[in-house]
Amino acid sequence: MPNLGGWEWVILAVVALVLFGGAKVASLGKNAGKAIREFKEETQAIKSGDSEPAAPQAPAPASPAESDEGPSQS
């Protein structure tokens, strides 16, 4: 695998921004970070000898006040 220097990373970042847009790249980074964090937690659980890995935490459901949608019309 070739070594990538600083300028190559800058060019790759610019190309990713152009292709996907800033919001999509930010969400990809956030999801990648979350996946890495979960992977580390699971590997540490296995190394420490826990018989059952930690259950993934589901995000709390948004309350109606936090929703960006208007009032629901039934």
Protein backbone atom coordinates (compact mmCIF):
# COMPACT_ATOMS: atom_id res chain seq x y z
CA MET A 1 0.00 0.00 0.00
CA PRO A 2 1.46 3.37 -0.95
CA ASN A 3 2.34 5.90 1.72
CA LEU A 4 0.10 8.94 1.65
CA GLY A 5 1.61 12.26 2.62
CA GLY A 6 -0.12 15.39 3.85
CA TRP A 7 -1.00 16.78 0.42
CA GLU A 8 -2.51 13.51 -0.72
CA TRP A 9 -4.84 13.49 2.31
CA VAL A 10 -5.83 17.09 1.61
CA ILE A 11 -6.66 16.24 -2.00
CA LEU A 12 -8.68 13.19 -0.92
CA ALA A 13 -10.61 15.31 1.59
CA VAL A 14 -11.42 17.94 -1.05
CA VAL A 15 -12.56 15.29 -3.51
CA ALA A 16 -14.78 13.69 -0.84
CA LEU A 17 -16.31 17.09 -0.03
CA VAL A 18 -17.02 17.78 -3.67
CA LEU A 19 -18.49 14.35 -4.35
CA PHE A 20 -20.61 13.91 -1.21
CA GLY A 21 -21.12 17.36 0.29
CA GLY A 22 -20.20 18.56 3.75
CA ALA A 23 -23.19 17.18 5.63
CA LYS A 24 -22.80 13.67 4.23
CA VAL A 25 -19.05 13.58 4.95
CA ALA A 26 -19.69 14.76 8.53
CA SER A 27 -22.28 12.03 9.12
CA LEU A 28 -19.94 9.42 7.63
CA GLY A 29 -17.22 10.52 10.05
CA LYS A 30 -19.62 10.42 12.99
CA ASN A 31 -20.81 6.92 12.09
CA ALA A 32 -17.25 5.69 11.56
CA GLY A 33 -16.26 7.02 14.98
CA LYS A 34 -19.24 5.31 16.60
CA ALA A 35 -18.38 2.01 14.90
CA ILE A 36 -14.76 2.21 16.03
CA ARG A 37 -15.84 3.02 19.60
CA GLU A 38 -18.23 0.04 19.69
CA PHE A 39 -15.55 -2.24 18.25
CA LYS A 40 -13.07 -1.18 20.94
CA GLU A 41 -15.65 -1.75 23.69
CA GLU A 42 -16.45 -5.24 22.40
CA THR A 43 -12.79 -6.24 22.05
CA GLN A 44 -12.07 -5.00 25.58
CA ALA A 45 -15.04 -6.99 26.86
CA ILE A 46 -13.73 -10.11 25.19
CA LYS A 47 -10.20 -9.53 26.52
CA SER A 48 -11.43 -8.97 30.07
CA GLY A 49 -13.25 -12.30 30.01
CA ASP A 50 -16.83 -11.10 30.10
CA SER A 51 -19.01 -13.94 28.95
CA GLU A 52 -21.54 -11.62 27.33
CA PRO A 53 -20.56 -8.51 25.36
CA ALA A 54 -22.26 -5.23 26.23
CA ALA A 55 -25.61 -4.67 24.57
CA PRO A 56 -25.68 -1.79 22.10
CA GLN A 57 -27.39 1.28 23.45
CA ALA A 58 -30.33 2.48 21.38
CA PRO A 59 -30.78 6.24 21.15
CA ALA A 60 -33.67 7.67 23.14
CA PRO A 61 -36.75 8.46 21.07
CA ALA A 62 -37.22 12.15 20.37
CA SER A 63 -39.97 13.84 22.31
CA PRO A 64 -42.55 15.84 20.34
CA ALA A 65 -40.98 19.07 21.60
CA GLU A 66 -37.61 18.11 20.07
CA SER A 67 -39.10 17.21 16.72
CA ASP A 68 -38.53 19.69 13.91
CA GLU A 69 -41.86 18.82 12.35
CA GLY A 70 -44.90 20.99 12.87
CA PRO A 71 -47.95 19.93 14.82
CA SER A 72 -49.36 16.66 13.61
CA GLN A 73 -52.66 16.83 11.82
CA SER A 74 -54.76 13.72 12.13
